[in-house]
Amino acid sequence: MLDHVSITVSDIPAAERFYDAIMKALDVVKVGRREDRLGYGERARPVHPADGADEGRPGLRDYHAAYYGTFLRDPDGNRVEAACHLAP
């Protein structure tokens, strides 16, 4: 899942026609337009209105022998991972 991608274009109106067609085919809505930028996708809605949430206490994971990580959800519902890959 991508949060956002920036693409530099030389002609905003031409890019808008192009990306409008692509995004329509993908069922992605336009969420913003200014003279110098376009925006497509869904606006995040808070999942946890006050605080984040624990999504996995710190510990060794089975991804590889030295993978130590933890997971959380931020107030917007994004899953965040912090990991250490150093051998103990």
PDB file of N, CA and C in Angstrom:
ATOM      1  N   MET A   1       0.860  -1.168   0.000  1.00  0.00           N
ATOM      2  CA  MET A   1       0.000   0.000   0.000  1.00  0.00           C
ATOM      3  C   MET A   1       0.905   1.230   0.000  1.00  0.00           C
ATOM      4  N   LEU A   2       0.597   2.156  -0.854  1.00  0.00           N
ATOM      5  CA  LEU A   2       1.345   3.407  -0.913  1.00  0.00           C
ATOM      6  C   LEU A   2       0.554   4.506  -0.235  1.00  0.00           C
ATOM      7  N   ASP A   3       1.250   5.349   0.465  1.00  0.00           N
ATOM      8  CA  ASP A   3       0.606   6.515   1.059  1.00  0.00           C
ATOM      9  C   ASP A   3       0.478   7.613   0.031  1.00  0.00           C
ATOM     10  N   HIS A   4       1.574   7.928  -0.648  1.00  0.00           N
ATOM     11  CA  HIS A   4       1.524   8.930  -1.712  1.00  0.00           C
ATOM     12  C   HIS A   4       2.729   8.770  -2.632  1.00  0.00           C
ATOM     13  N   VAL A   5       2.551   9.230  -3.850  1.00  0.00           N
ATOM     14  CA  VAL A   5       3.609   9.209  -4.854  1.00  0.00           C
ATOM     15  C   VAL A   5       3.586  10.561  -5.536  1.00  0.00           C
ATOM     16  N   SER A   6       4.745  11.162  -5.724  1.00  0.00           N
ATOM     17  CA  SER A   6       4.840  12.439  -6.441  1.00  0.00           C
ATOM     18  C   SER A   6       5.444  12.193  -7.811  1.00  0.00           C
ATOM     19  N   ILE A   7       4.797  12.746  -8.839  1.00  0.00           N
ATOM     20  CA  ILE A   7       5.280  12.618 -10.217  1.00  0.00           C
ATOM     21  C   ILE A   7       5.363  14.030 -10.791  1.00  0.00           C
ATOM     22  N   THR A   8       6.530  14.414 -11.253  1.00  0.00           N
ATOM     23  CA  THR A   8       6.718  15.732 -11.853  1.00  0.00           C
ATOM     24  C   THR A   8       6.305  15.675 -13.322  1.00  0.00           C
ATOM     25  N   VAL A   9       5.489  16.631 -13.726  1.00  0.00           N
ATOM     26  CA  VAL A   9       5.032  16.690 -15.122  1.00  0.00           C
ATOM     27  C   VAL A   9       5.294  18.081 -15.677  1.00  0.00           C
ATOM     28  N   SER A  10       5.360  18.178 -17.005  1.00  0.00           N
ATOM     29  CA  SER A  10       5.630  19.467 -17.634  1.00  0.00           C
ATOM     30  C   SER A  10       4.359  20.194 -18.041  1.00  0.00           C
ATOM     31  N   ASP A  11       3.233  19.479 -18.066  1.00  0.00           N
ATOM     32  CA  ASP A  11       1.974  20.071 -18.534  1.00  0.00           C
ATOM     33  C   ASP A  11       0.828  19.527 -17.679  1.00  0.00           C
ATOM     34  N   ILE A  12       0.403  20.307 -16.691  1.00  0.00           N
ATOM     35  CA  ILE A  12      -0.641  19.858 -15.755  1.00  0.00           C
ATOM     36  C   ILE A  12      -1.944  19.498 -16.476  1.00  0.00           C
ATOM     37  N   PRO A  13      -2.461  20.321 -17.399  1.00  0.00           N
ATOM     38  CA  PRO A  13      -3.709  19.939 -18.067  1.00  0.00           C
ATOM     39  C   PRO A  13      -3.605  18.613 -18.836  1.00  0.00           C
ATOM     40  N   ALA A  14      -2.494  18.387 -19.515  1.00  0.00           N
ATOM     41  CA  ALA A  14      -2.309  17.123 -20.235  1.00  0.00           C
ATOM     42  C   ALA A  14      -2.197  15.958 -19.251  1.00  0.00           C
ATOM     43  N   ALA A  15      -1.446  16.167 -18.189  1.00  0.00           N
ATOM     44  CA  ALA A  15      -1.309  15.127 -17.169  1.00  0.00           C
ATOM     45  C   ALA A  15      -2.661  14.830 -16.522  1.00  0.00           C
ATOM     46  N   GLU A  16      -3.459  15.871 -16.310  1.00  0.00           N
ATOM     47  CA  GLU A  16      -4.776  15.683 -15.699  1.00  0.00           C
ATOM     48  C   GLU A  16      -5.671  14.815 -16.584  1.00  0.00           C
ATOM     49  N   ARG A  17      -5.676  15.070 -17.867  1.00  0.00           N
ATOM     50  CA  ARG A  17      -6.478  14.242 -18.784  1.00  0.00           C
ATOM     51  C   ARG A  17      -6.005  12.789 -18.741  1.00  0.00           C
ATOM     52  N   PHE A  18      -4.701  12.618 -18.779  1.00  0.00           N
ATOM     53  CA  PHE A  18      -4.107  11.285 -18.761  1.00  0.00           C
ATOM     54  C   PHE A  18      -4.433  10.555 -17.461  1.00  0.00           C
ATOM     55  N   TYR A  19      -4.140  11.188 -16.310  1.00  0.00           N
ATOM     56  CA  TYR A  19      -4.343  10.518 -15.018  1.00  0.00           C
ATOM     57  C   TYR A  19      -5.815  10.404 -14.648  1.00  0.00           C
ATOM     58  N   ASP A  20      -6.653  11.339 -15.091  1.00  0.00           N
ATOM     59  CA  ASP A  20      -8.100  11.189 -14.874  1.00  0.00           C
ATOM     60  C   ASP A  20      -8.590   9.891 -15.512  1.00  0.00           C
ATOM     61  N   ALA A  21      -8.151   9.634 -16.736  1.00  0.00           N
ATOM     62  CA  ALA A  21      -8.582   8.421 -17.443  1.00  0.00           C
ATOM     63  C   ALA A  21      -8.062   7.160 -16.758  1.00  0.00           C
ATOM     64  N   ILE A  22      -6.803   7.167 -16.381  1.00  0.00           N
ATOM     65  CA  ILE A  22      -6.221   6.006 -15.704  1.00  0.00           C
ATOM     66  C   ILE A  22      -6.902   5.764 -14.365  1.00  0.00           C
ATOM     67  N   MET A  23      -7.048   6.801 -13.580  1.00  0.00           N
ATOM     68  CA  MET A  23      -7.632   6.644 -12.249  1.00  0.00           C
ATOM     69  C   MET A  23      -9.104   6.236 -12.326  1.00  0.00           C
ATOM     70  N   LYS A  24      -9.816   6.746 -13.329  1.00  0.00           N
ATOM     71  CA  LYS A  24     -11.209   6.340 -13.508  1.00  0.00           C
ATOM     72  C   LYS A  24     -11.288   4.840 -13.792  1.00  0.00           C
ATOM     73  N   ALA A  25     -10.391   4.354 -14.649  1.00  0.00           N
ATOM     74  CA  ALA A  25     -10.367   2.923 -14.967  1.00  0.00           C
ATOM     75  C   ALA A  25     -10.041   2.078 -13.741  1.00  0.00           C
ATOM     76  N   LEU A  26      -9.279   2.637 -12.807  1.00  0.00           N
ATOM     77  CA  LEU A  26      -8.916   1.934 -11.573  1.00  0.00           C
ATOM     78  C   LEU A  26      -9.896   2.207 -10.436  1.00  0.00           C
ATOM     79  N   ASP A  27     -10.932   3.005 -10.718  1.00  0.00           N
ATOM     80  CA  ASP A  27     -11.942   3.375  -9.710  1.00  0.00           C
ATOM     81  C   ASP A  27     -11.326   4.159  -8.545  1.00  0.00           C
ATOM     82  N   VAL A  28     -10.399   5.044  -8.899  1.00  0.00           N
ATOM     83  CA  VAL A  28      -9.746   5.907  -7.913  1.00  0.00           C
ATOM     84  C   VAL A  28     -10.250   7.328  -8.129  1.00  0.00           C
ATOM     85  N   VAL A  29     -10.741   7.956  -7.068  1.00  0.00           N
ATOM     86  CA  VAL A  29     -11.333   9.287  -7.193  1.00  0.00           C
ATOM     87  C   VAL A  29     -10.275  10.388  -7.137  1.00  0.00           C
ATOM     88  N   LYS A  30     -10.585  11.521  -7.785  1.00  0.00           N
ATOM     89  CA  LYS A  30      -9.726  12.704  -7.673  1.00  0.00           C
ATOM     90  C   LYS A  30     -10.100  13.401  -6.378  1.00  0.00           C
ATOM     91  N   VAL A  31      -9.123  13.676  -5.534  1.00  0.00           N
ATOM     92  CA  VAL A  31      -9.397  14.305  -4.245  1.00  0.00           C
ATOM     93  C   VAL A  31      -8.910  15.742  -4.160  1.00  0.00           C
ATOM     94  N   GLY A  32      -8.227  16.196  -5.192  1.00  0.00           N
ATOM     95  CA  GLY A  32      -7.760  17.574  -5.151  1.00  0.00           C
ATOM     96  C   GLY A  32      -7.192  18.032  -6.471  1.00  0.00           C
ATOM     97  N   ARG A  33      -7.308  19.336  -6.681  1.00  0.00           N
ATOM     98  CA  ARG A  33      -6.720  19.941  -7.876  1.00  0.00           C
ATOM     99  C   ARG A  33      -6.367  21.375  -7.560  1.00  0.00           C
ATOM    100  N   ARG A  34      -5.144  21.732  -7.865  1.00  0.00           N
ATOM    101  CA  ARG A  34      -4.702  23.119  -7.789  1.00  0.00           C
ATOM    102  C   ARG A  34      -4.002  23.443  -9.082  1.00  0.00           C
ATOM    103  N   GLU A  35      -3.613  24.674  -9.237  1.00  0.00           N
ATOM    104  CA  GLU A  35      -2.906  25.096 -10.442  1.00  0.00           C
ATOM    105  C   GLU A  35      -1.627  24.279 -10.664  1.00  0.00           C
ATOM    106  N   ASP A  36      -0.975  23.875  -9.568  1.00  0.00           N
ATOM    107  CA  ASP A  36       0.322  23.208  -9.678  1.00  0.00           C
ATOM    108  C   ASP A  36       0.322  21.754  -9.205  1.00  0.00           C
ATOM    109  N   ARG A  37      -0.851  21.157  -8.919  1.00  0.00           N
ATOM    110  CA  ARG A  37      -0.851  19.760  -8.488  1.00  0.00           C
ATOM    111  C   ARG A  37      -2.226  19.127  -8.606  1.00  0.00           C
ATOM    112  N   LEU A  38      -2.198  17.799  -8.692  1.00  0.00           N
ATOM    113  CA  LEU A  38      -3.408  16.989  -8.736  1.00  0.00           C
ATOM    114  C   LEU A  38      -3.307  15.961  -7.612  1.00  0.00           C
ATOM    115  N   GLY A  39      -4.426  15.512  -7.120  1.00  0.00           N
ATOM    116  CA  GLY A  39      -4.417  14.486  -6.085  1.00  0.00           C
ATOM    117  C   GLY A  39      -5.485  13.436  -6.355  1.00  0.00           C
ATOM    118  N   TYR A  40      -5.115  12.179  -6.233  1.00  0.00           N
ATOM    119  CA  TYR A  40      -6.043  11.072  -6.449  1.00  0.00           C
ATOM    120  C   TYR A  40      -5.945  10.121  -5.263  1.00  0.00           C
ATOM    121  N   GLY A  41      -7.028   9.449  -4.958  1.00  0.00           N
ATOM    122  CA  GLY A  41      -7.033   8.455  -3.891  1.00  0.00           C
ATOM    123  C   GLY A  41      -8.085   8.781  -2.862  1.00  0.00           C
ATOM    124  N   GLU A  42      -8.048   8.061  -1.764  1.00  0.00           N
ATOM    125  CA  GLU A  42      -8.992   8.288  -0.682  1.00  0.00           C
ATOM    126  C   GLU A  42      -8.308   9.022   0.447  1.00  0.00           C
ATOM    127  N   ARG A  43      -9.019   9.929   1.047  1.00  0.00           N
ATOM    128  CA  ARG A  43      -8.497  10.619   2.217  1.00  0.00           C
ATOM    129  C   ARG A  43      -8.592   9.687   3.413  1.00  0.00           C
ATOM    130  N   ALA A  44      -7.535   9.651   4.215  1.00  0.00           N
ATOM    131  CA  ALA A  44      -7.541   8.788   5.404  1.00  0.00           C
ATOM    132  C   ALA A  44      -8.556   9.290   6.414  1.00  0.00           C
ATOM    133  N   ARG A  45      -9.230   8.355   7.011  1.00  0.00           N
ATOM    134  CA  ARG A  45     -10.155   8.675   8.094  1.00  0.00           C
ATOM    135  C   ARG A  45      -9.598   8.073   9.361  1.00  0.00           C
ATOM    136  N   PRO A  46      -9.600   8.823  10.452  1.00  0.00           N
ATOM    137  CA  PRO A  46      -9.036   8.273  11.695  1.00  0.00           C
ATOM    138  C   PRO A  46      -9.726   6.980  12.115  1.00  0.00           C
ATOM    139  N   VAL A  47      -8.914   5.986  12.414  1.00  0.00           N
ATOM    140  CA  VAL A  47      -9.418   4.718  12.907  1.00  0.00           C
ATOM    141  C   VAL A  47      -9.440   4.731  14.424  1.00  0.00           C
ATOM    142  N   HIS A  48      -8.406   5.313  15.005  1.00  0.00           N
ATOM    143  CA  HIS A  48      -8.293   5.452  16.455  1.00  0.00           C
ATOM    144  C   HIS A  48      -8.273   6.953  16.755  1.00  0.00           C
ATOM    145  N   PRO A  49      -9.426   7.551  17.083  1.00  0.00           N
ATOM    146  CA  PRO A  49      -9.528   9.002  17.155  1.00  0.00           C
ATOM    147  C   PRO A  49      -8.608   9.681  18.158  1.00  0.00           C
ATOM    148  N   ALA A  50      -8.146   9.002  19.207  1.00  0.00           N
ATOM    149  CA  ALA A  50      -7.276   9.669  20.179  1.00  0.00           C
ATOM    150  C   ALA A  50      -5.848   9.187  20.072  1.00  0.00           C
ATOM    151  N   ASP A  51      -5.638   7.939  20.324  1.00  0.00           N
ATOM    152  CA  ASP A  51      -4.284   7.389  20.348  1.00  0.00           C
ATOM    153  C   ASP A  51      -4.144   6.300  19.309  1.00  0.00           C
ATOM    154  N   GLY A  52      -2.932   5.809  19.164  1.00  0.00           N
ATOM    155  CA  GLY A  52      -2.683   4.665  18.300  1.00  0.00           C
ATOM    156  C   GLY A  52      -3.043   3.388  19.038  1.00  0.00           C
ATOM    157  N   ALA A  53      -2.655   2.268  18.471  1.00  0.00           N
ATOM    158  CA  ALA A  53      -2.968   0.980  19.080  1.00  0.00           C
ATOM    159  C   ALA A  53      -1.801   0.024  18.909  1.00  0.00           C
ATOM    160  N   ASP A  54      -1.603  -0.823  19.897  1.00  0.00           N
ATOM    161  CA  ASP A  54      -0.588  -1.867  19.860  1.00  0.00           C
ATOM    162  C   ASP A  54      -0.986  -2.901  18.821  1.00  0.00           C
ATOM    163  N   GLU A  55      -0.077  -3.211  17.897  1.00  0.00           N
ATOM    164  CA  GLU A  55      -0.351  -4.207  16.862  1.00  0.00           C
ATOM    165  C   GLU A  55       0.635  -5.362  16.923  1.00  0.00           C
ATOM    166  N   GLY A  56       1.370  -5.479  17.993  1.00  0.00           N
ATOM    167  CA  GLY A  56       2.339  -6.573  18.130  1.00  0.00           C
ATOM    168  C   GLY A  56       3.492  -6.145  19.011  1.00  0.00           C
ATOM    169  N   ARG A  57       3.526  -6.676  20.216  1.00  0.00           N
ATOM    170  CA  ARG A  57       4.556  -6.278  21.181  1.00  0.00           C
ATOM    171  C   ARG A  57       5.957  -6.546  20.642  1.00  0.00           C
ATOM    172  N   PRO A  58       6.964  -5.813  21.127  1.00  0.00           N
ATOM    173  CA  PRO A  58       8.338  -6.036  20.674  1.00  0.00           C
ATOM    174  C   PRO A  58       8.783  -7.471  20.932  1.00  0.00           C
ATOM    175  N   GLY A  59       9.501  -8.017  19.979  1.00  0.00           N
ATOM    176  CA  GLY A  59      10.016  -9.372  20.155  1.00  0.00           C
ATOM    177  C   GLY A  59      10.634  -9.906  18.878  1.00  0.00           C
ATOM    178  N   LEU A  60      11.222 -11.083  19.001  1.00  0.00           N
ATOM    179  CA  LEU A  60      11.797 -11.752  17.840  1.00  0.00           C
ATOM    180  C   LEU A  60      10.674 -12.189  16.919  1.00  0.00           C
ATOM    181  N   ARG A  61      10.886 -12.064  15.631  1.00  0.00           N
ATOM    182  CA  ARG A  61       9.909 -12.491  14.623  1.00  0.00           C
ATOM    183  C   ARG A  61      10.531 -13.617  13.809  1.00  0.00           C
ATOM    184  N   ASP A  62       9.718 -14.360  13.117  1.00  0.00           N
ATOM    185  CA  ASP A  62      10.239 -15.489  12.349  1.00  0.00           C
ATOM    186  C   ASP A  62      10.629 -15.119  10.920  1.00  0.00           C
ATOM    187  N   TYR A  63      10.819 -13.826  10.633  1.00  0.00           N
ATOM    188  CA  TYR A  63      11.236 -13.403   9.296  1.00  0.00           C
ATOM    189  C   TYR A  63      12.670 -13.845   9.009  1.00  0.00           C
ATOM    190  N   HIS A  64      13.554 -13.727  10.011  1.00  0.00           N
ATOM    191  CA  HIS A  64      14.902 -14.286   9.994  1.00  0.00           C
ATOM    192  C   HIS A  64      15.411 -14.306  11.425  1.00  0.00           C
ATOM    193  N   ALA A  65      16.539 -14.969  11.647  1.00  0.00           N
ATOM    194  CA  ALA A  65      17.001 -15.240  13.021  1.00  0.00           C
ATOM    195  C   ALA A  65      17.253 -13.989  13.859  1.00  0.00           C
ATOM    196  N   ALA A  66      17.623 -12.877  13.257  1.00  0.00           N
ATOM    197  CA  ALA A  66      17.960 -11.676  14.014  1.00  0.00           C
ATOM    198  C   ALA A  66      16.901 -10.583  13.885  1.00  0.00           C
ATOM    199  N   TYR A  67      15.697 -10.936  13.465  1.00  0.00           N
ATOM    200  CA  TYR A  67      14.648  -9.931  13.246  1.00  0.00           C
ATOM    201  C   TYR A  67      13.895  -9.687  14.543  1.00  0.00           C
ATOM    202  N   TYR A  68      14.071  -8.483  15.103  1.00  0.00           N
ATOM    203  CA  TYR A  68      13.385  -8.082  16.328  1.00  0.00           C
ATOM    204  C   TYR A  68      12.516  -6.878  15.957  1.00  0.00           C
ATOM    205  N   GLY A  69      11.219  -6.984  16.156  1.00  0.00           N
ATOM    206  CA  GLY A  69      10.372  -5.893  15.706  1.00  0.00           C
ATOM    207  C   GLY A  69       9.144  -5.685  16.575  1.00  0.00           C
ATOM    208  N   THR A  70       8.471  -4.589  16.296  1.00  0.00           N
ATOM    209  CA  THR A  70       7.220  -4.256  16.962  1.00  0.00           C
ATOM    210  C   THR A  70       6.330  -3.530  15.966  1.00  0.00           C
ATOM    211  N   PHE A  71       5.029  -3.555  16.204  1.00  0.00           N
ATOM    212  CA  PHE A  71       4.067  -2.955  15.293  1.00  0.00           C
ATOM    213  C   PHE A  71       3.066  -2.104  16.072  1.00  0.00           C
ATOM    214  N   LEU A  72       2.587  -1.046  15.428  1.00  0.00           N
ATOM    215  CA  LEU A  72       1.540  -0.222  16.026  1.00  0.00           C
ATOM    216  C   LEU A  72       0.686   0.375  14.934  1.00  0.00           C
ATOM    217  N   ARG A  73      -0.480   0.875  15.302  1.00  0.00           N
ATOM    218  CA  ARG A  73      -1.346   1.644  14.397  1.00  0.00           C
ATOM    219  C   ARG A  73      -1.308   3.077  14.870  1.00  0.00           C
ATOM    220  N   ASP A  74      -1.086   4.012  13.948  1.00  0.00           N
ATOM    221  CA  ASP A  74      -1.110   5.422  14.323  1.00  0.00           C
ATOM    222  C   ASP A  74      -2.565   5.902  14.374  1.00  0.00           C
ATOM    223  N   PRO A  75      -2.806   7.130  14.815  1.00  0.00           N
ATOM    224  CA  PRO A  75      -4.187   7.621  14.928  1.00  0.00           C
ATOM    225  C   PRO A  75      -4.967   7.631  13.611  1.00  0.00           C
ATOM    226  N   ASP A  76      -4.277   7.592  12.458  1.00  0.00           N
ATOM    227  CA  ASP A  76      -4.964   7.536  11.171  1.00  0.00           C
ATOM    228  C   ASP A  76      -5.171   6.111  10.677  1.00  0.00           C
ATOM    229  N   GLY A  77      -4.743   5.122  11.469  1.00  0.00           N
ATOM    230  CA  GLY A  77      -4.939   3.731  11.082  1.00  0.00           C
ATOM    231  C   GLY A  77      -3.805   3.131  10.281  1.00  0.00           C
ATOM    232  N   ASN A  78      -2.706   3.868  10.080  1.00  0.00           N
ATOM    233  CA  ASN A  78      -1.563   3.333   9.357  1.00  0.00           C
ATOM    234  C   ASN A  78      -0.804   2.352  10.244  1.00  0.00           C
ATOM    235  N   ARG A  79      -0.406   1.213   9.667  1.00  0.00           N
ATOM    236  CA  ARG A  79       0.389   0.240  10.430  1.00  0.00           C
ATOM    237  C   ARG A  79       1.845   0.644  10.327  1.00  0.00           C
ATOM    238  N   VAL A  80       2.498   0.785  11.472  1.00  0.00           N
ATOM    239  CA  VAL A  80       3.884   1.206  11.546  1.00  0.00           C
ATOM    240  C   VAL A  80       4.702   0.061  12.144  1.00  0.00           C
ATOM    241  N   GLU A  81       5.844  -0.201  11.553  1.00  0.00           N
ATOM    242  CA  GLU A  81       6.723  -1.258  12.046  1.00  0.00           C
ATOM    243  C   GLU A  81       8.079  -0.654  12.362  1.00  0.00           C
ATOM    244  N   ALA A  82       8.631  -1.055  13.494  1.00  0.00           N
ATOM    245  CA  ALA A  82      10.008  -0.708  13.829  1.00  0.00           C
ATOM    246  C   ALA A  82      10.735  -2.031  13.982  1.00  0.00           C
ATOM    247  N   ALA A  83      11.904  -2.147  13.368  1.00  0.00           N
ATOM    248  CA  ALA A  83      12.622  -3.411  13.389  1.00  0.00           C
ATOM    249  C   ALA A  83      14.114  -3.211  13.547  1.00  0.00           C
ATOM    250  N   CYS A  84      14.745  -4.195  14.159  1.00  0.00           N
ATOM    251  CA  CYS A  84      16.190  -4.255  14.269  1.00  0.00           C
ATOM    252  C   CYS A  84      16.627  -5.566  13.623  1.00  0.00           C
ATOM    253  N   HIS A  85      17.661  -5.501  12.796  1.00  0.00           N
ATOM    254  CA  HIS A  85      18.122  -6.680  12.087  1.00  0.00           C
ATOM    255  C   HIS A  85      19.513  -7.131  12.571  1.00  0.00           C
ATOM    256  N   LEU A  86      19.975  -6.618  13.706  1.00  0.00           N
ATOM    257  CA  LEU A  86      21.302  -6.963  14.219  1.00  0.00           C
ATOM    258  C   LEU A  86      21.228  -8.250  15.024  1.00  0.00           C
ATOM    259  N   ALA A  87      22.218  -9.092  14.858  1.00  0.00           N
ATOM    260  CA  ALA A  87      22.264 -10.325  15.638  1.00  0.00           C
ATOM    261  C   ALA A  87      22.434  -9.976  17.123  1.00  0.00           C
ATOM    262  N   PRO A  88      21.812 -10.759  18.009  1.00  0.00           N
ATOM    263  CA  PRO A  88      21.906 -10.458  19.465  1.00  0.00           C
ATOM    264  C   PRO A  88      23.329 -10.564  19.958  1.00  0.00           C
TER     265      PRO A  88
END
